[in-house]
Protein backbone atom coordinates (compact mmCIF):
# COMPACT_ATOMS: atom_id res chain seq x y z
CA MET A 1 17.38 94.04 113.31
CA ALA A 2 19.68 96.56 111.63
CA THR A 3 22.98 97.74 113.10
CA HIS A 4 25.52 100.46 112.38
CA ASP A 5 28.41 97.99 112.66
CA VAL A 6 29.43 95.72 109.78
CA PRO A 7 27.94 92.29 110.61
CA GLY A 8 30.56 89.82 111.77
CA PHE A 9 33.08 92.45 112.86
CA ILE A 10 32.02 92.65 116.53
CA SER A 11 31.68 89.11 117.86
CA ALA A 12 29.41 90.18 120.74
CA ASN A 13 26.70 91.07 118.18
CA ASN A 14 26.32 87.39 117.16
CA ASP A 15 25.84 88.22 113.47
CA THR A 16 27.70 87.36 110.28
CA LEU A 17 28.72 89.08 107.08
CA HIS A 18 27.38 86.84 104.32
CA ASP A 19 26.08 86.97 100.75
CA GLY A 20 23.05 89.23 100.67
CA CYS A 21 24.02 91.55 103.52
CA TRP A 22 23.47 95.16 102.58
CA ALA A 23 23.71 98.64 104.05
CA GLU A 24 22.08 101.95 103.26
CA SER A 25 23.33 105.52 103.47
CA GLY A 26 22.37 107.61 100.48
CA HIS A 27 24.00 104.76 98.54
CA ARG A 28 23.41 101.05 98.92
CA LEU A 29 26.25 98.67 99.65
CA LEU A 30 26.03 94.96 98.91
CA SER A 31 28.59 92.49 100.19
CA VAL A 32 28.92 89.95 97.40
CA ASP A 33 31.15 87.42 99.10
CA ARG A 34 33.49 86.94 102.04
CA ILE A 35 36.47 84.67 101.57
CA ASP A 36 38.49 84.25 104.75
CA ASP A 37 39.17 87.84 105.83
CA LYS A 38 38.51 89.43 102.42
CA VAL A 39 35.22 91.17 101.56
CA HIS A 40 34.19 91.49 97.90
CA PHE A 41 31.67 94.32 97.54
CA SER A 42 29.81 96.62 95.16
CA LEU A 43 28.53 100.10 95.90
CA TYR A 44 25.41 101.32 94.11
CA GLU A 45 23.38 104.49 93.74
CA ASN A 46 19.79 104.17 94.99
CA ASP A 47 18.63 103.65 91.39
CA GLY A 48 20.79 100.52 91.00
CA ASN A 49 23.59 102.09 88.95
CA SER A 50 26.97 100.71 90.01
CA LEU A 51 29.49 103.14 91.46
CA THR A 52 32.40 100.89 92.31
CA GLN A 53 33.44 97.35 93.13
CA GLY A 54 36.33 96.21 95.25
CA VAL A 55 37.98 93.79 97.62
CA LEU A 56 39.18 94.78 101.10
CA PRO A 57 40.43 92.92 104.17
CA LEU A 58 37.58 92.59 106.70
CA TYR A 59 39.21 95.01 109.15
CA GLU A 60 39.60 97.76 106.51
CA PHE A 61 36.10 97.11 105.15
CA ALA A 62 34.60 97.37 108.65
CA ARG A 63 36.49 100.60 109.36
CA ALA A 64 35.30 102.12 106.08
CA PHE A 65 31.65 101.02 106.27
CA SER A 66 30.78 100.99 109.99
CA GLY A 67 29.40 103.98 111.80
CA GLY A 68 26.49 106.33 112.06
CA GLU A 69 25.98 106.89 108.35
CA TRP A 70 25.69 103.19 107.43
CA LEU A 71 22.70 101.10 108.50
CA TRP A 72 23.44 97.39 107.97
CA HIS A 73 20.88 94.66 107.27
CA ASP A 74 22.01 91.04 107.60
CA LYS A 75 18.64 89.33 107.98
CA SER A 76 16.30 91.23 105.66
CA PRO A 77 16.31 90.70 101.89
CA LYS A 78 18.18 93.18 99.74
CA PRO A 79 16.07 95.81 97.93
CA ALA A 80 15.00 95.04 94.37
CA ALA A 81 16.94 98.13 93.21
CA ILE A 82 20.22 96.29 93.92
CA PRO A 83 20.90 93.96 91.00
CA GLN A 84 22.28 90.45 91.35
CA LEU A 85 26.05 90.66 91.11
CA ALA A 86 28.70 88.53 89.52
CA HIS A 87 31.60 87.55 91.76
CA VAL A 88 34.30 90.23 91.91
CA PRO A 89 37.69 88.61 91.22
CA ALA A 90 40.35 88.95 93.90
CA ALA A 91 43.12 91.43 93.22
CA ALA A 92 46.30 89.84 91.88
C-alpha cells in the first residue's frame, strides 16, 4: 500500500525506509540508502534523467518529501524508468 508519508518516519505506520523505496509526483524519487539517520537519495524526471542527488538527515528528508504531492511505495518494485544507482557518498 502506498502512503503520503516517508516510510519509517511515522512509527505507527509500521513501515521502513529501505533501498528500493520510491515516490512519485511528477518526478520520481528513489532512496538509495539509509545510514543511521541519513538518507542518500536521487531525484529523477519520469524519463529516467537524473535531476539531483543528495544526503539529508531523516527528519529533513521526511519534511521535504512527505505530503500530498508525494506518493510513497515501500513494498512495490521501482519502475523500470528509474535506473540502478551507485551509492551517493556522504558529505564531508
